[in-house]
């Protein structure tokens, strides 16, 4: 069975996903076969594995860092919010239904059994499992049926390290307070804490670290600096929204839908020199973009109504009437069609007219489409006609089927596809950007394709190097039970 270490955080966005990813990378570099695991994840960003099963993208990122293929055992329970009070529940990669918060809580024991089975199976195949918690482990009103923080740690007797975010302030209080709310069994599992996102001179911090260790009775394993890394995690979209508008020659506006999903679809475009990608959630900021992208969403009809009511739909229709390109992905593709029918109340219920920019219509059935998708784009015309014949690799994950569906369809300069990750291939992203630049008269002689995979690997290497320098890795290895077989 695998050795384990669990990374929990004092709060959401403390950095536990990236610390877990960094540990995965370090253990992999040291010669171990390592996998990530998160018993329960709540996120709208998901991924379809090669065998057609669904899992959260945070564990996909960590699997990439570990140098292995994503496996739904790494995230056996995934919750995809459909409203403020309910979620679609996915267990072992398969949808089991839509649950209210109360209904899910009542079924927690069943889901705990499934999480444990998935972990046990994964642990048979790997040397080390790096587990990640969720939110805060000190939510005392939820501890009774917790399956992702200390509940999971106790289930498998895993050592735990707690990550605190000093950048938001109050890190000593949050670490000490978290320990205070643990019972004796939970405290015994905590083997160290990490101060994350530090800016400044560590020497000034050291007296506080010594006092903290006296209070919580566990060691500080390290102080991780605020690292300027470009790695996707569950909170990466919120960071993008805080950034200033780009002054790049080409302006791409992505509609910031209320239930936006799989926003990683646009990363490959952001990295190309001369391209600016910004997120728009009101008509005042719409501007005059060169390309509008309508992304995926967990509720197509509700988000189309939102666009209709706040005036963004009218802006897109005017943009399209001027011959400027619009690109819809998944839910965005469904919105661009003629009609949307939801006879079973799968997402919103009823009938809704689409934006009528593409000829298809969509009917939401009870079954979810989940599949990896690879092939060649065909019969593409308009501004992006250069896409025809290019090979793509991505995945589909959606409720609803659209009549006349192809890997990509277009009417003039309006394009739609169900394929997530369609821009990830270097030549596809370059072709799209080159077409936009030529249309605007921007010089393309220096335009180069961007190797997204190579870039990701470089970022994981930088993350691992930063953690190695910041953490007492000898102590970390002691926590998980020591090195074995002479591996370094």
Protein backbone atom coordinates (compact mmCIF):
# COMPACT_ATOMS: atom_id res chain seq x y z
CA UNK A 1 0.00 0.00 0.00
CA UNK A 2 1.10 3.55 -0.72
CA UNK A 3 2.54 5.94 1.82
CA UNK A 4 0.40 9.06 2.27
CA UNK A 5 0.57 12.71 3.14
CA UNK A 6 -2.46 14.99 3.26
CA UNK A 7 -2.43 18.73 2.56
CA UNK A 8 -5.20 20.68 4.25
CA UNK A 9 -5.67 24.45 4.39
CA UNK A 10 -6.95 26.87 6.98
CA UNK A 11 -9.33 28.28 4.34
CA UNK A 12 -10.18 28.16 0.66
CA UNK A 13 -7.41 29.47 -1.62
CA UNK A 14 -4.73 28.98 1.04
CA UNK A 15 -2.67 27.24 -1.64
CA UNK A 16 -3.21 23.60 -0.74
CA UNK A 17 -3.86 22.57 -4.38
CA UNK A 18 -0.52 23.98 -5.50
CA UNK A 19 1.37 22.64 -2.47
CA UNK A 20 -0.11 19.21 -3.20
CA UNK A 21 0.89 19.54 -6.86
CA UNK A 22 4.40 20.61 -5.89
CA UNK A 23 4.80 17.61 -3.60
CA UNK A 24 3.58 15.34 -6.39
CA UNK A 25 6.25 16.81 -8.65
CA UNK A 26 9.00 16.48 -6.04
CA UNK A 27 8.18 12.85 -5.26
CA UNK A 28 8.05 12.08 -8.97
CA UNK A 29 11.44 13.74 -9.49
CA UNK A 30 12.80 11.66 -6.61
CA UNK A 31 11.85 8.46 -8.39
CA UNK A 32 8.52 7.59 -6.77
CA UNK A 33 5.31 6.63 -8.51
CA UNK A 34 2.96 9.22 -7.03
CA UNK A 35 -0.70 10.13 -7.50
CA UNK A 36 -2.99 12.88 -6.16
CA UNK A 37 -6.29 12.22 -4.39
CA UNK A 38 -9.19 14.38 -3.28
CA UNK A 39 -12.17 12.48 -1.93
CA UNK A 40 -14.71 15.19 -2.69
CA UNK A 41 -14.35 18.19 -4.94
CA UNK A 42 -16.82 20.98 -5.66
CA UNK A 43 -16.07 22.69 -8.95
CA UNK A 44 -17.55 23.57 -12.32
CA UNK A 45 -14.23 22.84 -14.01
CA UNK A 46 -14.09 19.18 -14.89
CA UNK A 47 -12.31 16.85 -17.28
CA UNK A 48 -13.09 13.66 -19.17
CA UNK A 49 -10.53 10.87 -18.86
CA UNK A 50 -9.50 8.58 -21.71
CA UNK A 51 -12.06 6.04 -20.53
CA UNK A 52 -14.88 8.61 -20.63
CA UNK A 53 -15.18 9.33 -16.90
CA UNK A 54 -15.48 12.74 -15.27
CA UNK A 55 -13.27 14.27 -12.58
CA UNK A 56 -12.26 17.67 -11.21
CA UNK A 57 -9.55 19.61 -13.03
CA UNK A 58 -7.54 20.32 -9.86
CA UNK A 59 -6.60 16.65 -9.68
CA UNK A 60 -5.96 16.64 -13.43
CA UNK A 61 -3.43 19.43 -12.85
CA UNK A 62 -1.84 17.47 -10.00
CA UNK A 63 -1.71 14.31 -12.13
CA UNK A 64 0.10 16.31 -14.82
CA UNK A 65 2.57 17.45 -12.19
CA UNK A 66 3.07 13.82 -11.17
CA UNK A 67 3.68 12.80 -14.78
CA UNK A 68 0.71 10.43 -15.00
CA UNK A 69 -2.62 10.25 -16.80
CA UNK A 70 -5.69 11.56 -14.94
CA UNK A 71 -7.77 8.80 -13.35
CA UNK A 72 -11.23 9.33 -11.84
CA UNK A 73 -10.11 7.38 -8.74
CA UNK A 74 -8.13 10.52 -7.89
CA UNK A 75 -11.43 12.41 -7.37
CA UNK A 76 -14.17 9.86 -6.65
CA UNK A 77 -16.85 12.40 -5.64
CA UNK A 78 -17.36 15.55 -7.70
CA UNK A 79 -20.07 18.12 -7.00
CA UNK A 80 -21.01 20.50 -9.81
CA UNK A 81 -23.29 23.27 -8.47
CA UNK A 82 -26.52 23.74 -10.41
CA UNK A 83 -27.96 26.35 -8.04
CA UNK A 84 -27.19 28.01 -4.71
CA UNK A 85 -28.65 25.00 -2.90
CA UNK A 86 -27.99 22.01 -5.13
CA UNK A 87 -25.41 20.17 -7.22
CA UNK A 88 -25.07 17.46 -9.79
CA UNK A 89 -23.32 14.61 -7.98
CA UNK A 90 -20.74 12.55 -9.87
CA UNK A 91 -19.36 9.39 -8.23
CA UNK A 92 -16.48 7.44 -9.76
CA UNK A 93 -16.83 9.48 -12.92
CA UNK A 94 -20.56 8.81 -13.43
CA UNK A 95 -23.53 11.09 -12.74
CA UNK A 96 -25.75 9.74 -9.95
CA UNK A 97 -28.22 12.62 -9.91
CA UNK A 98 -28.99 16.17 -8.81
CA UNK A 99 -29.06 16.57 -5.03
CA UNK A 100 -30.01 19.36 -2.71
CA UNK A 101 -27.48 20.10 0.02
CA UNK A 102 -29.70 18.29 2.54
CA UNK A 103 -30.15 15.24 0.32
CA UNK A 104 -26.43 15.00 -0.28
CA UNK A 105 -25.63 15.30 3.42
CA UNK A 106 -28.05 12.45 4.16
CA UNK A 107 -26.20 10.23 1.64
CA UNK A 108 -22.71 11.15 2.86
CA UNK A 109 -22.05 7.74 4.43
CA UNK A 110 -22.59 6.03 1.06
CA UNK A 111 -20.26 8.45 -0.68
CA UNK A 112 -17.64 7.96 2.04
CA UNK A 113 -17.60 4.24 1.27
CA UNK A 114 -17.07 4.96 -2.43
CA UNK A 115 -14.26 7.42 -1.64
CA UNK A 116 -12.51 4.84 0.52
CA UNK A 117 -12.81 2.18 -2.19
CA UNK A 118 -11.32 4.53 -4.77
CA UNK A 119 -8.46 5.43 -2.46
CA UNK A 120 -7.70 1.79 -1.64
CA UNK A 121 -7.63 0.91 -5.32
CA UNK A 122 -5.35 3.84 -6.15
CA UNK A 123 -3.05 3.03 -3.25
CA UNK A 124 -2.42 -0.45 -4.67
CA UNK A 125 -0.91 1.12 -7.80
CA UNK A 126 1.33 3.88 -6.39
CA UNK A 127 4.20 4.41 -3.94
CA UNK A 128 2.89 7.69 -2.51
CA UNK A 129 -0.55 9.32 -2.49
CA UNK A 130 -0.73 13.09 -1.91
CA UNK A 131 -4.19 13.85 -0.58
CA UNK A 132 -5.81 17.26 -0.67
CA UNK A 133 -8.48 18.57 1.67
CA UNK A 134 -11.20 21.09 0.86
CA UNK A 135 -11.95 24.52 2.29
CA UNK A 136 -11.25 24.51 6.02
CA UNK A 137 -11.02 21.35 8.15
CA UNK A 138 -12.26 23.30 11.18
CA UNK A 139 -15.90 23.75 10.08
CA UNK A 140 -17.26 22.23 13.27
CA UNK A 141 -20.83 22.12 11.98
CA UNK A 142 -19.77 19.80 9.14
CA UNK A 143 -17.23 17.56 10.89
CA UNK A 144 -19.66 14.77 11.77
CA UNK A 145 -19.94 13.58 8.16
CA UNK A 146 -16.73 14.99 6.73
CA UNK A 147 -15.21 12.79 4.03
CA UNK A 148 -12.58 15.11 2.56
CA UNK A 149 -10.60 16.66 5.43
CA UNK A 150 -9.97 15.01 8.79
CA UNK A 151 -12.71 12.50 8.12
CA UNK A 152 -10.66 11.10 5.24
CA UNK A 153 -7.38 11.42 7.14
CA UNK A 154 -8.80 9.38 10.03
CA UNK A 155 -10.30 6.84 7.63
CA UNK A 156 -6.82 5.95 6.30
CA UNK A 157 -4.68 7.15 9.23
CA UNK A 158 -2.84 9.64 7.05
CA UNK A 159 -0.41 12.25 8.38
CA UNK A 160 -1.57 15.81 7.72
CA UNK A 161 0.12 19.14 7.09
CA UNK A 162 -1.85 22.38 7.37
CA UNK A 163 -1.25 25.28 4.96
CA UNK A 164 -1.97 28.86 6.04
CA UNK A 165 -2.09 31.91 3.77
CA UNK A 166 -0.07 34.78 5.22
CA UNK A 167 -0.84 37.05 2.26
CA UNK A 168 -4.44 37.57 3.38
CA UNK A 169 -3.36 38.24 6.98
CA UNK A 170 -3.96 36.50 10.30
CA UNK A 171 -1.96 33.38 9.48
CA UNK A 172 -0.89 32.71 13.08
CA UNK A 173 -4.45 33.01 14.34
CA UNK A 174 -5.82 30.84 11.53
CA UNK A 175 -3.29 28.06 12.11
CA UNK A 176 -3.66 28.17 15.89
CA UNK A 177 -7.45 28.40 15.64
CA UNK A 178 -7.62 25.45 13.29
CA UNK A 179 -5.59 23.34 15.71
CA UNK A 180 -7.77 24.51 18.61
CA UNK A 181 -10.89 23.15 16.94
CA UNK A 182 -9.42 19.69 16.32
CA UNK A 183 -10.12 16.85 18.74
CA UNK A 184 -7.22 14.88 20.20
CA UNK A 185 -7.30 12.22 17.47
CA UNK A 186 -7.18 14.88 14.77
CA UNK A 187 -4.38 16.81 16.46
CA UNK A 188 -2.31 13.64 16.58
CA UNK A 189 -2.52 13.36 12.79
CA UNK A 190 -1.17 16.87 12.19
CA UNK A 191 2.61 16.58 11.72
CA UNK A 192 3.41 20.11 10.64
CA UNK A 193 2.20 23.42 9.25
CA UNK A 194 3.29 25.54 6.30
CA UNK A 195 3.13 29.30 5.98
CA UNK A 196 2.31 30.09 2.37
CA UNK A 197 2.49 33.15 0.07
CA UNK A 198 5.05 35.07 2.15
CA UNK A 199 6.51 38.34 0.84
CA UNK A 200 9.49 39.79 2.64
CA UNK A 201 12.37 38.81 4.92
CA UNK A 202 11.83 35.46 6.63
CA UNK A 203 14.15 36.50 9.49
CA UNK A 204 11.51 38.99 10.65
CA UNK A 205 8.96 36.18 10.73
CA UNK A 206 11.04 33.67 12.70
CA UNK A 207 10.15 34.84 16.24
CA UNK A 208 6.47 34.40 15.39
CA UNK A 209 7.11 30.94 14.00
CA UNK A 210 8.82 29.89 17.22
CA UNK A 211 5.90 31.18 19.29
CA UNK A 212 3.43 29.43 16.97
CA UNK A 213 5.22 26.11 17.41
CA UNK A 214 5.03 26.53 21.20
CA UNK A 215 1.29 27.12 20.95
CA UNK A 216 0.26 24.41 18.50
CA UNK A 217 2.89 21.82 19.48
CA UNK A 218 3.76 20.88 15.89
CA UNK A 219 6.65 22.14 13.75
CA UNK A 220 6.59 24.75 11.03
CA UNK A 221 7.84 22.82 7.99
CA UNK A 222 8.65 25.91 6.00
CA UNK A 223 7.71 29.34 4.73
CA UNK A 224 6.79 29.29 1.05
CA UNK A 225 7.32 32.57 -0.79
CA UNK A 226 4.69 34.15 -2.99
CA UNK A 227 5.69 32.45 -6.24
CA UNK A 228 4.81 33.99 -9.59
CA UNK A 229 3.69 30.81 -11.28
CA UNK A 230 1.14 30.18 -13.99
CA UNK A 231 -0.58 26.98 -12.89
CA UNK A 232 -4.29 26.30 -13.13
CA UNK A 233 -6.17 25.62 -9.95
CA UNK A 234 -9.75 25.96 -8.78
CA UNK A 235 -9.37 29.65 -8.00
CA UNK A 236 -7.36 30.68 -11.04
CA UNK A 237 -10.29 32.35 -12.78
CA UNK A 238 -10.81 34.77 -9.88
CA UNK A 239 -7.16 35.79 -10.20
CA UNK A 240 -7.61 36.45 -13.91
CA UNK A 241 -10.64 38.63 -13.24
CA UNK A 242 -8.55 40.87 -11.00
CA UNK A 243 -6.00 41.58 -13.72
CA UNK A 244 -5.96 44.82 -15.71
CA UNK A 245 -7.31 44.97 -19.25
CA UNK A 246 -4.70 44.06 -21.83
CA UNK A 247 -3.29 46.59 -24.28
CA UNK A 248 -2.51 43.83 -26.79
CA UNK A 249 -3.31 44.49 -30.47
CA UNK A 250 -5.92 41.72 -30.53
CA UNK A 251 -8.76 41.85 -27.99
CA UNK A 252 -10.64 38.63 -27.17
CA UNK A 253 -13.66 38.98 -24.88
CA UNK A 254 -14.80 35.87 -23.01
CA UNK A 255 -18.29 36.20 -21.54
CA UNK A 256 -18.08 35.70 -17.78
CA UNK A 257 -21.22 33.61 -17.37
CA UNK A 258 -22.55 33.15 -13.81
CA UNK A 259 -22.05 29.37 -14.06
CA UNK A 260 -18.96 29.42 -16.29
CA UNK A 261 -17.15 26.10 -16.58
CA UNK A 262 -13.89 24.89 -18.11
CA UNK A 263 -12.39 28.36 -18.45
CA UNK A 264 -9.04 26.67 -19.05
CA UNK A 265 -10.23 26.32 -22.66
CA UNK A 266 -8.75 29.75 -23.42
CA UNK A 267 -5.32 29.44 -21.81
CA UNK A 268 -3.58 28.60 -25.07
CA UNK A 269 -4.81 31.86 -26.61
CA UNK A 270 -3.66 33.97 -23.65
CA UNK A 271 -0.06 32.89 -24.06
CA UNK A 272 0.33 34.01 -27.65
CA UNK A 273 2.18 37.29 -28.05
CA UNK A 274 -0.11 40.06 -29.22
CA UNK A 275 -3.30 38.49 -27.85
CA UNK A 276 -5.26 39.88 -24.91
CA UNK A 277 -8.00 37.80 -23.26
CA UNK A 278 -10.41 39.49 -20.86
CA UNK A 279 -13.61 38.40 -19.09
CA UNK A 280 -16.80 40.44 -19.51
CA UNK A 281 -19.88 40.24 -17.30
CA UNK A 282 -21.71 43.47 -18.20
CA UNK A 283 -22.50 45.38 -21.38
CA UNK A 284 -20.57 48.48 -20.24
CA UNK A 285 -17.29 46.59 -20.48
CA UNK A 286 -18.08 44.81 -23.75
CA UNK A 287 -16.09 47.27 -25.86
CA UNK A 288 -15.20 46.43 -29.47
CA UNK A 289 -13.48 43.04 -29.28
CA UNK A 290 -11.96 41.28 -32.25
CA UNK A 291 -13.42 37.95 -31.13
CA UNK A 292 -16.18 37.08 -28.66
CA UNK A 293 -16.12 33.67 -26.99
CA UNK A 294 -19.14 32.25 -25.17
CA UNK A 295 -17.76 29.52 -22.88
CA UNK A 296 -19.22 26.44 -21.29
CA UNK A 297 -21.71 26.66 -18.45
CA UNK A 298 -23.42 24.32 -16.00
CA UNK A 299 -26.82 25.82 -16.92
CA UNK A 300 -27.09 26.88 -20.54
CA UNK A 301 -30.65 28.20 -20.47
CA UNK A 302 -30.31 30.13 -17.21
CA UNK A 303 -27.11 31.79 -18.38
CA UNK A 304 -28.63 32.68 -21.76
CA UNK A 305 -31.50 34.36 -19.90
CA UNK A 306 -28.89 36.22 -17.84
CA UNK A 307 -27.17 37.47 -21.00
CA UNK A 308 -30.55 38.44 -22.47
CA UNK A 309 -31.59 40.41 -19.39
CA UNK A 310 -28.34 42.31 -18.87
CA UNK A 311 -27.87 43.32 -22.49
CA UNK A 312 -24.82 41.19 -23.33
CA UNK A 313 -26.76 39.10 -25.84
CA UNK A 314 -27.71 42.27 -27.75
CA UNK A 315 -24.06 43.30 -27.80
CA UNK A 316 -23.02 39.92 -29.21
CA UNK A 317 -25.74 40.02 -31.87
CA UNK A 318 -24.62 43.50 -32.96
CA UNK A 319 -20.99 42.34 -32.97
CA UNK A 320 -21.94 39.40 -35.20
CA UNK A 321 -24.05 41.54 -37.55
CA UNK A 322 -20.88 43.50 -38.34
CA UNK A 323 -19.21 40.32 -39.55
CA UNK A 324 -16.98 39.98 -36.50
CA UNK A 325 -16.34 36.45 -35.23
CA UNK A 326 -18.19 34.74 -32.39
CA UNK A 327 -17.10 31.36 -31.02
CA UNK A 328 -19.27 29.24 -28.72
CA UNK A 329 -17.93 26.25 -26.80
CA UNK A 330 -20.23 23.61 -25.30
CA UNK A 331 -22.98 25.58 -23.52
CA UNK A 332 -21.98 28.64 -25.53
CA UNK A 333 -22.40 26.59 -28.71
CA UNK A 334 -25.87 25.52 -27.56
CA UNK A 335 -26.86 29.16 -26.95
CA UNK A 336 -25.91 30.14 -30.50
CA UNK A 337 -28.54 27.79 -32.00
CA UNK A 338 -32.21 28.18 -32.79
CA UNK A 339 -33.99 26.52 -29.86
CA UNK A 340 -33.26 24.90 -26.51
CA UNK A 341 -35.65 22.30 -25.11
CA UNK A 342 -35.42 20.88 -21.59
CA UNK A 343 -38.46 18.59 -21.24
CA UNK A 344 -37.13 16.77 -18.17
CA UNK A 345 -35.96 19.81 -16.20
CA UNK A 346 -32.36 18.61 -16.44
CA UNK A 347 -30.95 22.15 -16.18
CA UNK A 348 -33.66 24.80 -16.31
CA UNK A 349 -36.77 23.25 -17.79
CA UNK A 350 -39.09 24.34 -20.58
CA UNK A 351 -38.31 25.92 -23.94
CA UNK A 352 -36.13 28.87 -24.82
CA UNK A 353 -35.30 30.54 -28.10
CA UNK A 354 -31.59 30.58 -28.83
CA UNK A 355 -29.54 33.39 -30.32
CA UNK A 356 -30.31 32.04 -33.82
CA UNK A 357 -26.79 32.58 -35.14
CA UNK A 358 -26.29 28.89 -35.96
CA UNK A 359 -28.80 26.44 -37.50
CA UNK A 360 -28.85 23.70 -34.85
CA UNK A 361 -31.27 23.15 -31.98
CA UNK A 362 -30.56 21.40 -28.66
CA UNK A 363 -32.66 19.00 -26.60
CA UNK A 364 -31.61 18.22 -23.04
CA UNK A 365 -32.12 14.55 -22.26
CA UNK A 366 -31.46 12.63 -19.09
CA UNK A 367 -28.09 11.23 -20.19
CA UNK A 368 -24.82 13.11 -20.02
CA UNK A 369 -22.39 13.02 -22.93
CA UNK A 370 -18.84 12.29 -21.75
CA UNK A 371 -16.10 11.31 -24.13
CA UNK A 372 -12.57 12.04 -25.22
CA UNK A 373 -12.57 13.46 -28.73
CA UNK A 374 -9.77 13.48 -31.28
CA UNK A 375 -9.88 14.02 -35.03
CA UNK A 376 -9.50 16.59 -37.78
CA UNK A 377 -11.55 19.75 -38.15
CA UNK A 378 -13.47 19.76 -41.40
CA UNK A 379 -15.44 22.11 -43.64
CA UNK A 380 -14.53 25.27 -41.74
CA UNK A 381 -14.93 28.51 -43.64
CA UNK A 382 -15.15 32.21 -42.81
CA UNK A 383 -12.32 34.05 -41.08
CA UNK A 384 -11.04 30.82 -39.51
CA UNK A 385 -11.09 28.75 -42.72
CA UNK A 386 -7.46 27.81 -42.06
CA UNK A 387 -8.67 25.45 -39.32
CA UNK A 388 -9.94 22.95 -41.90
CA UNK A 389 -7.93 19.76 -41.77
CA UNK A 390 -6.08 20.55 -38.55
CA UNK A 391 -5.92 17.82 -35.93
CA UNK A 392 -7.54 18.51 -32.58
CA UNK A 393 -7.64 16.68 -29.25
CA UNK A 394 -10.09 17.46 -26.48
CA UNK A 395 -13.16 16.12 -24.74
CA UNK A 396 -16.92 16.55 -24.58
CA UNK A 397 -18.88 16.91 -21.38
CA UNK A 398 -22.43 18.19 -21.65
CA UNK A 399 -26.09 17.61 -21.11
CA UNK A 400 -28.09 17.99 -24.30
CA UNK A 401 -27.60 16.92 -27.89
CA UNK A 402 -27.63 19.23 -30.88
CA UNK A 403 -29.05 18.30 -34.28
CA UNK A 404 -26.60 18.62 -37.14
CA UNK A 405 -23.71 18.35 -34.69
CA UNK A 406 -20.15 18.21 -36.10
CA UNK A 407 -16.74 18.70 -34.49
CA UNK A 408 -17.08 22.37 -35.44
CA UNK A 409 -19.84 24.15 -37.34
CA UNK A 410 -20.05 27.68 -38.62
CA UNK A 411 -22.29 30.10 -40.46
CA UNK A 412 -20.14 32.90 -41.79
CA UNK A 413 -18.01 34.05 -38.89
CA UNK A 414 -20.07 32.37 -36.15
CA UNK A 415 -18.52 29.12 -34.90
CA UNK A 416 -19.60 26.46 -32.44
CA UNK A 417 -18.16 23.26 -31.00
CA UNK A 418 -18.70 20.86 -28.12
CA UNK A 419 -14.96 20.22 -27.84
CA UNK A 420 -13.27 21.48 -24.68
CA UNK A 421 -9.58 22.08 -25.22
CA UNK A 422 -10.06 22.76 -28.92
CA UNK A 423 -7.53 25.62 -28.81
CA UNK A 424 -4.87 23.65 -26.95
CA UNK A 425 -3.07 22.40 -30.05
CA UNK A 426 -0.34 24.86 -31.09
CA UNK A 427 -1.37 25.07 -34.74
CA UNK A 428 -5.06 25.66 -33.94
CA UNK A 429 -4.37 28.50 -31.50
CA UNK A 430 -1.87 30.03 -33.91
CA UNK A 431 -4.28 29.79 -36.86
CA UNK A 432 -7.05 31.54 -34.91
CA UNK A 433 -4.76 34.32 -33.72
CA UNK A 434 -3.12 34.77 -37.10
CA UNK A 435 -6.53 35.16 -38.76
CA UNK A 436 -7.55 37.83 -36.24
CA UNK A 437 -4.29 39.69 -36.74
CA UNK A 438 -4.54 39.65 -40.53
CA UNK A 439 -8.13 40.86 -40.36
CA UNK A 440 -6.98 43.82 -38.28
CA UNK A 441 -3.84 44.52 -40.28
CA UNK A 442 -1.46 43.45 -37.51
CA UNK A 443 1.95 42.15 -38.57
CA UNK A 444 2.12 38.36 -38.21
CA UNK A 445 5.71 37.82 -39.30
CA UNK A 446 6.89 37.25 -35.74
CA UNK A 447 3.90 35.14 -34.66
CA UNK A 448 5.01 31.84 -33.15
CA UNK A 449 3.08 28.82 -31.97
CA UNK A 450 3.04 28.27 -28.22
CA UNK A 451 3.86 24.85 -26.76
CA UNK A 452 1.33 24.69 -23.92
CA UNK A 453 2.45 21.28 -22.64
CA UNK A 454 6.11 22.28 -22.45
CA UNK A 455 5.15 25.49 -20.67
CA UNK A 456 3.09 23.59 -18.09
CA UNK A 457 5.96 21.22 -17.38
CA UNK A 458 8.31 24.18 -16.85
CA UNK A 459 5.85 25.70 -14.37
CA UNK A 460 5.59 22.44 -12.42
CA UNK A 461 9.40 22.26 -12.29
CA UNK A 462 9.55 25.82 -10.93
CA UNK A 463 6.90 24.97 -8.34
CA UNK A 464 8.83 21.91 -7.19
CA UNK A 465 12.09 23.84 -7.01
CA UNK A 466 10.43 26.59 -4.95
CA UNK A 467 8.95 24.08 -2.49
CA UNK A 468 12.24 22.18 -2.17
CA UNK A 469 13.96 25.39 -1.16
CA UNK A 470 11.20 26.49 1.22
CA UNK A 471 10.24 23.23 2.93
CA UNK A 472 12.18 20.90 5.19
CA UNK A 473 11.87 17.97 2.79
CA UNK A 474 13.83 15.61 5.04
CA UNK A 475 11.17 16.15 7.65
CA UNK A 476 8.42 15.72 5.06
CA UNK A 477 9.89 12.33 4.12
CA UNK A 478 10.03 11.41 7.80
CA UNK A 479 6.35 12.30 8.09
CA UNK A 480 5.35 9.91 5.31
CA UNK A 481 7.55 7.14 6.66
CA UNK A 482 10.94 7.81 5.17
CA UNK A 483 12.57 7.21 1.81
CA UNK A 484 12.81 3.70 0.50
CA UNK A 485 14.96 1.67 -1.89
CA UNK A 486 17.62 4.34 -1.79
CA UNK A 487 15.48 6.76 -3.77
CA UNK A 488 16.53 10.35 -3.52
